[in-house]
Amino acid sequence: MSSREYPSLDRLEALVQGLDAMGRDLGDRLGALAGQSAEGVSDSGLVLVRASADGAITDVRIDPRAMRAGSQDLAEEFLQAATRAQEQAAELSKEAVRALLDPIPGAADRRDPADRRDAGWYPDEP
């Protein structure tokens, strides 16, 4: 059985190999994203919050000077920092997804499936 007899099988094998490579790349990129963290700092700079890529708060640092503020002011400082950290984490995630999907390999070859037979998509068929 030669590739001349079954060119479709060669294309299928190449497609499977390409999908395997894409899957490994996706896993690597998702692993890298999971290891990233984002930081947010309050307007006063007295509260710093870190968040994981999924937005979960992983660390909070409060400058001792912040303890002089009232509880409501400290709560607002924390909310500012936490919101900024989570927004940055969301942006990191969006950028990672964009990098994964754009450009999609083979996107230039995408056509309406109805046009495939006329466009030479099945060259080994009569």
N, C-alpha and C. Protein backbone atom coordinates (compact mmCIF):
# COMPACT_ATOMS: atom_id res chain seq x y z
N MET A 1 0.85 -1.17 0.00
CA MET A 1 0.00 0.00 0.00
C MET A 1 0.90 1.24 0.00
N SER A 2 0.85 1.99 -1.07
CA SER A 2 1.68 3.19 -1.18
C SER A 2 0.85 4.43 -0.93
N SER A 3 1.56 5.52 -0.71
CA SER A 3 0.84 6.76 -0.45
C SER A 3 0.16 7.26 -1.71
N ARG A 4 0.62 6.80 -2.88
CA ARG A 4 -0.06 7.19 -4.12
C ARG A 4 -1.44 6.56 -4.21
N GLU A 5 -1.58 5.36 -3.64
CA GLU A 5 -2.87 4.67 -3.69
C GLU A 5 -3.87 5.30 -2.72
N TYR A 6 -3.38 5.78 -1.59
CA TYR A 6 -4.26 6.30 -0.55
C TYR A 6 -3.76 7.65 -0.02
N PRO A 7 -3.79 8.69 -0.85
CA PRO A 7 -3.30 9.99 -0.39
C PRO A 7 -4.11 10.54 0.79
N SER A 8 -5.36 10.12 0.90
CA SER A 8 -6.19 10.60 2.01
C SER A 8 -5.64 10.14 3.35
N LEU A 9 -5.08 8.92 3.39
CA LEU A 9 -4.51 8.42 4.63
C LEU A 9 -3.29 9.23 5.04
N ASP A 10 -2.49 9.64 4.07
CA ASP A 10 -1.33 10.48 4.38
C ASP A 10 -1.78 11.81 4.98
N ARG A 11 -2.82 12.40 4.41
CA ARG A 11 -3.33 13.66 4.93
C ARG A 11 -3.91 13.47 6.33
N LEU A 12 -4.59 12.36 6.53
CA LEU A 12 -5.16 12.07 7.84
C LEU A 12 -4.06 11.88 8.88
N GLU A 13 -3.01 11.17 8.53
CA GLU A 13 -1.89 10.98 9.45
C GLU A 13 -1.23 12.32 9.79
N ALA A 14 -1.05 13.16 8.80
CA ALA A 14 -0.46 14.48 9.03
C ALA A 14 -1.36 15.31 9.94
N LEU A 15 -2.66 15.22 9.74
CA LEU A 15 -3.62 15.94 10.58
C LEU A 15 -3.53 15.47 12.02
N VAL A 16 -3.48 14.17 12.23
CA VAL A 16 -3.39 13.62 13.59
C VAL A 16 -2.09 14.07 14.26
N GLN A 17 -0.99 14.05 13.53
CA GLN A 17 0.28 14.51 14.10
C GLN A 17 0.21 16.00 14.45
N GLY A 18 -0.41 16.78 13.58
CA GLY A 18 -0.58 18.21 13.87
C GLY A 18 -1.44 18.44 15.09
N LEU A 19 -2.50 17.67 15.24
CA LEU A 19 -3.38 17.80 16.41
C LEU A 19 -2.66 17.39 17.69
N ASP A 20 -1.83 16.35 17.61
CA ASP A 20 -1.04 15.96 18.78
C ASP A 20 -0.11 17.09 19.21
N ALA A 21 0.55 17.70 18.24
CA ALA A 21 1.46 18.81 18.55
C ALA A 21 0.70 19.98 19.15
N MET A 22 -0.47 20.28 18.59
CA MET A 22 -1.29 21.37 19.12
C MET A 22 -1.73 21.07 20.55
N GLY A 23 -2.08 19.81 20.82
CA GLY A 23 -2.50 19.42 22.17
C GLY A 23 -1.37 19.58 23.18
N ARG A 24 -0.17 19.18 22.78
CA ARG A 24 0.98 19.35 23.68
C ARG A 24 1.25 20.83 23.93
N ASP A 25 1.18 21.63 22.85
CA ASP A 25 1.41 23.07 22.99
C ASP A 25 0.35 23.70 23.90
N LEU A 26 -0.88 23.30 23.73
CA LEU A 26 -1.96 23.81 24.58
C LEU A 26 -1.70 23.46 26.04
N GLY A 27 -1.31 22.23 26.31
CA GLY A 27 -1.01 21.82 27.67
C GLY A 27 0.12 22.63 28.27
N ASP A 28 1.17 22.86 27.48
CA ASP A 28 2.30 23.66 27.95
C ASP A 28 1.87 25.08 28.27
N ARG A 29 1.07 25.66 27.39
CA ARG A 29 0.64 27.05 27.60
C ARG A 29 -0.30 27.17 28.79
N LEU A 30 -1.19 26.19 28.96
CA LEU A 30 -2.10 26.24 30.11
C LEU A 30 -1.32 26.06 31.41
N GLY A 31 -0.28 25.21 31.38
CA GLY A 31 0.57 25.04 32.56
C GLY A 31 1.28 26.34 32.90
N ALA A 32 1.77 27.02 31.88
CA ALA A 32 2.45 28.30 32.12
C ALA A 32 1.46 29.33 32.66
N LEU A 33 0.25 29.34 32.13
CA LEU A 33 -0.76 30.28 32.61
C LEU A 33 -1.11 30.00 34.07
N ALA A 34 -1.22 28.74 34.43
CA ALA A 34 -1.56 28.39 35.81
C ALA A 34 -0.49 28.87 36.79
N GLY A 35 0.74 28.98 36.32
CA GLY A 35 1.82 29.42 37.18
C GLY A 35 1.94 30.93 37.29
N GLN A 36 1.18 31.66 36.51
CA GLN A 36 1.26 33.12 36.54
C GLN A 36 0.40 33.69 37.66
N SER A 37 0.81 34.85 38.13
CA SER A 37 -0.01 35.55 39.11
C SER A 37 -0.07 37.03 38.74
N ALA A 38 -1.06 37.68 39.27
CA ALA A 38 -1.26 39.10 39.00
C ALA A 38 -1.25 39.84 40.32
N GLU A 39 -0.88 41.11 40.26
CA GLU A 39 -0.84 41.93 41.47
C GLU A 39 -1.72 43.16 41.31
N GLY A 40 -2.31 43.56 42.41
CA GLY A 40 -3.06 44.80 42.46
C GLY A 40 -2.64 45.56 43.70
N VAL A 41 -2.53 46.86 43.56
CA VAL A 41 -2.11 47.71 44.66
C VAL A 41 -3.17 48.79 44.86
N SER A 42 -3.47 49.10 46.10
CA SER A 42 -4.45 50.14 46.40
C SER A 42 -3.89 51.51 46.02
N ASP A 43 -4.77 52.51 45.94
CA ASP A 43 -4.34 53.87 45.58
C ASP A 43 -3.24 54.40 46.49
N SER A 44 -3.33 54.09 47.77
CA SER A 44 -2.34 54.59 48.72
C SER A 44 -1.04 53.81 48.66
N GLY A 45 -1.09 52.62 48.05
CA GLY A 45 0.08 51.77 48.01
C GLY A 45 0.29 50.97 49.28
N LEU A 46 -0.65 51.04 50.18
CA LEU A 46 -0.50 50.37 51.47
C LEU A 46 -0.99 48.92 51.46
N VAL A 47 -1.78 48.55 50.46
CA VAL A 47 -2.29 47.17 50.38
C VAL A 47 -1.94 46.60 49.02
N LEU A 48 -1.35 45.41 49.04
CA LEU A 48 -1.01 44.68 47.81
C LEU A 48 -1.71 43.33 47.87
N VAL A 49 -2.35 42.95 46.76
CA VAL A 49 -3.04 41.67 46.68
C VAL A 49 -2.52 40.93 45.46
N ARG A 50 -2.26 39.63 45.62
CA ARG A 50 -1.87 38.78 44.49
C ARG A 50 -3.01 37.81 44.22
N ALA A 51 -3.22 37.56 42.92
CA ALA A 51 -4.27 36.62 42.50
C ALA A 51 -3.69 35.66 41.49
N SER A 52 -4.17 34.43 41.52
CA SER A 52 -3.76 33.44 40.52
C SER A 52 -4.45 33.76 39.19
N ALA A 53 -4.08 33.04 38.16
CA ALA A 53 -4.63 33.30 36.83
C ALA A 53 -6.14 33.15 36.79
N ASP A 54 -6.70 32.34 37.68
CA ASP A 54 -8.16 32.18 37.69
C ASP A 54 -8.85 33.22 38.57
N GLY A 55 -8.08 34.15 39.14
CA GLY A 55 -8.65 35.24 39.92
C GLY A 55 -8.72 34.98 41.42
N ALA A 56 -8.33 33.79 41.85
CA ALA A 56 -8.35 33.49 43.28
C ALA A 56 -7.25 34.28 43.99
N ILE A 57 -7.60 34.89 45.09
CA ILE A 57 -6.62 35.68 45.85
C ILE A 57 -5.68 34.71 46.57
N THR A 58 -4.38 34.92 46.34
CA THR A 58 -3.38 34.02 46.90
C THR A 58 -2.51 34.66 47.97
N ASP A 59 -2.48 35.99 48.03
CA ASP A 59 -1.62 36.65 49.00
C ASP A 59 -2.12 38.06 49.23
N VAL A 60 -1.99 38.53 50.46
CA VAL A 60 -2.35 39.90 50.82
C VAL A 60 -1.21 40.46 51.67
N ARG A 61 -0.75 41.64 51.29
CA ARG A 61 0.29 42.33 52.07
C ARG A 61 -0.26 43.68 52.51
N ILE A 62 -0.20 43.94 53.78
CA ILE A 62 -0.70 45.20 54.32
C ILE A 62 0.46 45.91 55.00
N ASP A 63 0.74 47.10 54.52
CA ASP A 63 1.80 47.92 55.13
C ASP A 63 1.35 48.27 56.54
N PRO A 64 2.25 48.20 57.53
CA PRO A 64 1.86 48.52 58.91
C PRO A 64 1.23 49.90 59.06
N ARG A 65 1.58 50.84 58.19
CA ARG A 65 0.98 52.18 58.28
C ARG A 65 -0.51 52.15 58.00
N ALA A 66 -0.98 51.13 57.27
CA ALA A 66 -2.41 51.02 56.96
C ALA A 66 -3.24 50.76 58.21
N MET A 67 -2.61 50.27 59.25
CA MET A 67 -3.33 49.96 60.48
C MET A 67 -3.80 51.22 61.21
N ARG A 68 -3.25 52.36 60.81
CA ARG A 68 -3.69 53.63 61.40
C ARG A 68 -5.04 54.08 60.82
N ALA A 69 -5.38 53.54 59.67
CA ALA A 69 -6.64 53.93 59.00
C ALA A 69 -7.81 53.26 59.71
N GLY A 70 -8.98 53.82 59.51
CA GLY A 70 -10.18 53.21 60.05
C GLY A 70 -10.51 51.92 59.31
N SER A 71 -11.35 51.11 59.90
CA SER A 71 -11.68 49.82 59.30
C SER A 71 -12.33 49.97 57.92
N GLN A 72 -13.18 50.98 57.75
CA GLN A 72 -13.83 51.20 56.45
C GLN A 72 -12.79 51.60 55.38
N ASP A 73 -11.85 52.45 55.75
CA ASP A 73 -10.80 52.86 54.81
C ASP A 73 -9.93 51.67 54.42
N LEU A 74 -9.59 50.85 55.39
CA LEU A 74 -8.77 49.67 55.12
C LEU A 74 -9.52 48.69 54.21
N ALA A 75 -10.81 48.55 54.45
CA ALA A 75 -11.62 47.66 53.60
C ALA A 75 -11.64 48.17 52.16
N GLU A 76 -11.78 49.48 51.98
CA GLU A 76 -11.77 50.06 50.64
C GLU A 76 -10.41 49.86 49.96
N GLU A 77 -9.33 50.02 50.72
CA GLU A 77 -7.98 49.79 50.19
C GLU A 77 -7.85 48.34 49.71
N PHE A 78 -8.34 47.43 50.52
CA PHE A 78 -8.28 46.01 50.16
C PHE A 78 -9.09 45.74 48.90
N LEU A 79 -10.30 46.28 48.83
CA LEU A 79 -11.14 46.06 47.65
C LEU A 79 -10.50 46.62 46.38
N GLN A 80 -9.87 47.79 46.48
CA GLN A 80 -9.18 48.36 45.32
C GLN A 80 -8.08 47.42 44.84
N ALA A 81 -7.26 46.97 45.77
CA ALA A 81 -6.14 46.11 45.40
C ALA A 81 -6.63 44.77 44.86
N ALA A 82 -7.63 44.19 45.50
CA ALA A 82 -8.15 42.89 45.07
C ALA A 82 -8.79 42.99 43.68
N THR A 83 -9.55 44.03 43.46
CA THR A 83 -10.19 44.23 42.16
C THR A 83 -9.15 44.37 41.06
N ARG A 84 -8.12 45.13 41.33
CA ARG A 84 -7.06 45.33 40.33
C ARG A 84 -6.31 44.03 40.05
N ALA A 85 -6.04 43.26 41.08
CA ALA A 85 -5.34 41.99 40.89
C ALA A 85 -6.20 41.04 40.06
N GLN A 86 -7.50 40.98 40.36
CA GLN A 86 -8.38 40.08 39.61
C GLN A 86 -8.58 40.55 38.17
N GLU A 87 -8.64 41.86 37.96
CA GLU A 87 -8.74 42.38 36.59
C GLU A 87 -7.49 42.04 35.79
N GLN A 88 -6.32 42.18 36.43
CA GLN A 88 -5.08 41.86 35.74
C GLN A 88 -5.02 40.36 35.44
N ALA A 89 -5.47 39.53 36.37
CA ALA A 89 -5.50 38.08 36.14
C ALA A 89 -6.42 37.73 34.98
N ALA A 90 -7.56 38.39 34.91
CA ALA A 90 -8.49 38.15 33.80
C ALA A 90 -7.85 38.55 32.47
N GLU A 91 -7.13 39.66 32.47
CA GLU A 91 -6.46 40.11 31.24
C GLU A 91 -5.37 39.12 30.83
N LEU A 92 -4.62 38.61 31.79
CA LEU A 92 -3.61 37.60 31.48
C LEU A 92 -4.25 36.37 30.84
N SER A 93 -5.38 35.95 31.38
CA SER A 93 -6.09 34.80 30.84
C SER A 93 -6.59 35.07 29.43
N LYS A 94 -7.13 36.26 29.20
CA LYS A 94 -7.62 36.62 27.86
C LYS A 94 -6.47 36.61 26.86
N GLU A 95 -5.33 37.18 27.25
CA GLU A 95 -4.17 37.21 26.36
C GLU A 95 -3.70 35.80 26.04
N ALA A 96 -3.72 34.93 27.04
CA ALA A 96 -3.30 33.54 26.81
C ALA A 96 -4.24 32.84 25.85
N VAL A 97 -5.53 33.06 26.00
CA VAL A 97 -6.50 32.44 25.10
C VAL A 97 -6.33 32.99 23.68
N ARG A 98 -6.13 34.31 23.57
CA ARG A 98 -5.90 34.90 22.24
C ARG A 98 -4.67 34.28 21.59
N ALA A 99 -3.61 34.11 22.36
CA ALA A 99 -2.39 33.53 21.82
C ALA A 99 -2.62 32.09 21.37
N LEU A 100 -3.49 31.38 22.06
CA LEU A 100 -3.78 30.01 21.68
C LEU A 100 -4.62 29.93 20.41
N LEU A 101 -5.53 30.85 20.25
CA LEU A 101 -6.48 30.76 19.14
C LEU A 101 -6.15 31.61 17.93
N ASP A 102 -5.24 32.55 18.07
CA ASP A 102 -4.97 33.46 16.96
C ASP A 102 -3.49 33.48 16.65
N PRO A 103 -3.05 33.08 15.52
CA PRO A 103 -3.87 32.51 14.46
C PRO A 103 -4.08 31.02 14.67
N ILE A 104 -5.22 30.56 14.26
CA ILE A 104 -5.51 29.13 14.32
C ILE A 104 -4.81 28.50 13.12
N PRO A 105 -3.95 27.49 13.36
CA PRO A 105 -3.28 26.85 12.22
C PRO A 105 -4.30 26.37 11.20
N GLY A 106 -4.05 26.68 9.95
CA GLY A 106 -4.94 26.27 8.88
C GLY A 106 -6.12 27.18 8.67
N ALA A 107 -6.18 28.29 9.42
CA ALA A 107 -7.33 29.20 9.30
C ALA A 107 -7.44 29.76 7.89
N ALA A 108 -6.31 29.91 7.21
CA ALA A 108 -6.33 30.44 5.85
C ALA A 108 -7.03 29.48 4.90
N ASP A 109 -7.07 28.19 5.25
CA ASP A 109 -7.69 27.19 4.39
C ASP A 109 -9.17 26.97 4.69
N ARG A 110 -9.70 27.71 5.65
CA ARG A 110 -11.11 27.51 6.01
C ARG A 110 -12.01 28.05 4.91
N ARG A 111 -12.91 27.20 4.50
CA ARG A 111 -13.88 27.57 3.47
C ARG A 111 -15.22 26.97 3.86
N ASP A 112 -16.23 27.43 3.19
CA ASP A 112 -17.55 26.87 3.39
C ASP A 112 -17.51 25.40 2.96
N PRO A 113 -17.95 24.47 3.82
CA PRO A 113 -17.91 23.06 3.46
C PRO A 113 -18.64 22.75 2.15
N ALA A 114 -19.66 23.54 1.83
CA ALA A 114 -20.38 23.31 0.58
C ALA A 114 -19.50 23.55 -0.64
N ASP A 115 -18.47 24.37 -0.49
CA ASP A 115 -17.58 24.68 -1.61
C ASP A 115 -16.40 23.74 -1.73
N ARG A 116 -16.24 22.79 -0.84
CA ARG A 116 -15.04 21.95 -0.83
C ARG A 116 -14.88 21.10 -2.08
N ARG A 117 -15.93 20.48 -2.55
CA ARG A 117 -15.79 19.60 -3.71
C ARG A 117 -15.35 20.41 -4.93
N ASP A 118 -15.92 21.58 -5.10
CA ASP A 118 -15.56 22.41 -6.25
C ASP A 118 -14.19 23.06 -6.10
N ALA A 119 -13.70 23.21 -4.88
CA ALA A 119 -12.47 23.94 -4.64
C ALA A 119 -11.24 23.02 -4.58
N GLY A 120 -11.40 21.76 -4.96
CA GLY A 120 -10.25 20.88 -4.98
C GLY A 120 -9.91 20.29 -3.62
N TRP A 121 -10.87 20.20 -2.72
CA TRP A 121 -10.60 19.64 -1.40
C TRP A 121 -10.48 18.12 -1.44
N TYR A 122 -11.03 17.51 -2.48
CA TYR A 122 -11.01 16.07 -2.62
C TYR A 122 -10.34 15.71 -3.94
N PRO A 123 -9.04 15.99 -4.07
CA PRO A 123 -8.38 15.82 -5.37
C PRO A 123 -8.27 14.37 -5.81
N ASP A 124 -8.35 13.42 -4.89
CA ASP A 124 -8.21 12.03 -5.26
C ASP A 124 -9.55 11.40 -5.67
N GLU A 125 -10.62 12.20 -5.62
CA GLU A 125 -11.92 11.69 -6.06
C GLU A 125 -12.20 12.18 -7.47
N PRO A 126 -12.90 11.40 -8.26
CA PRO A 126 -13.20 11.83 -9.65
C PRO A 126 -14.09 13.04 -9.71
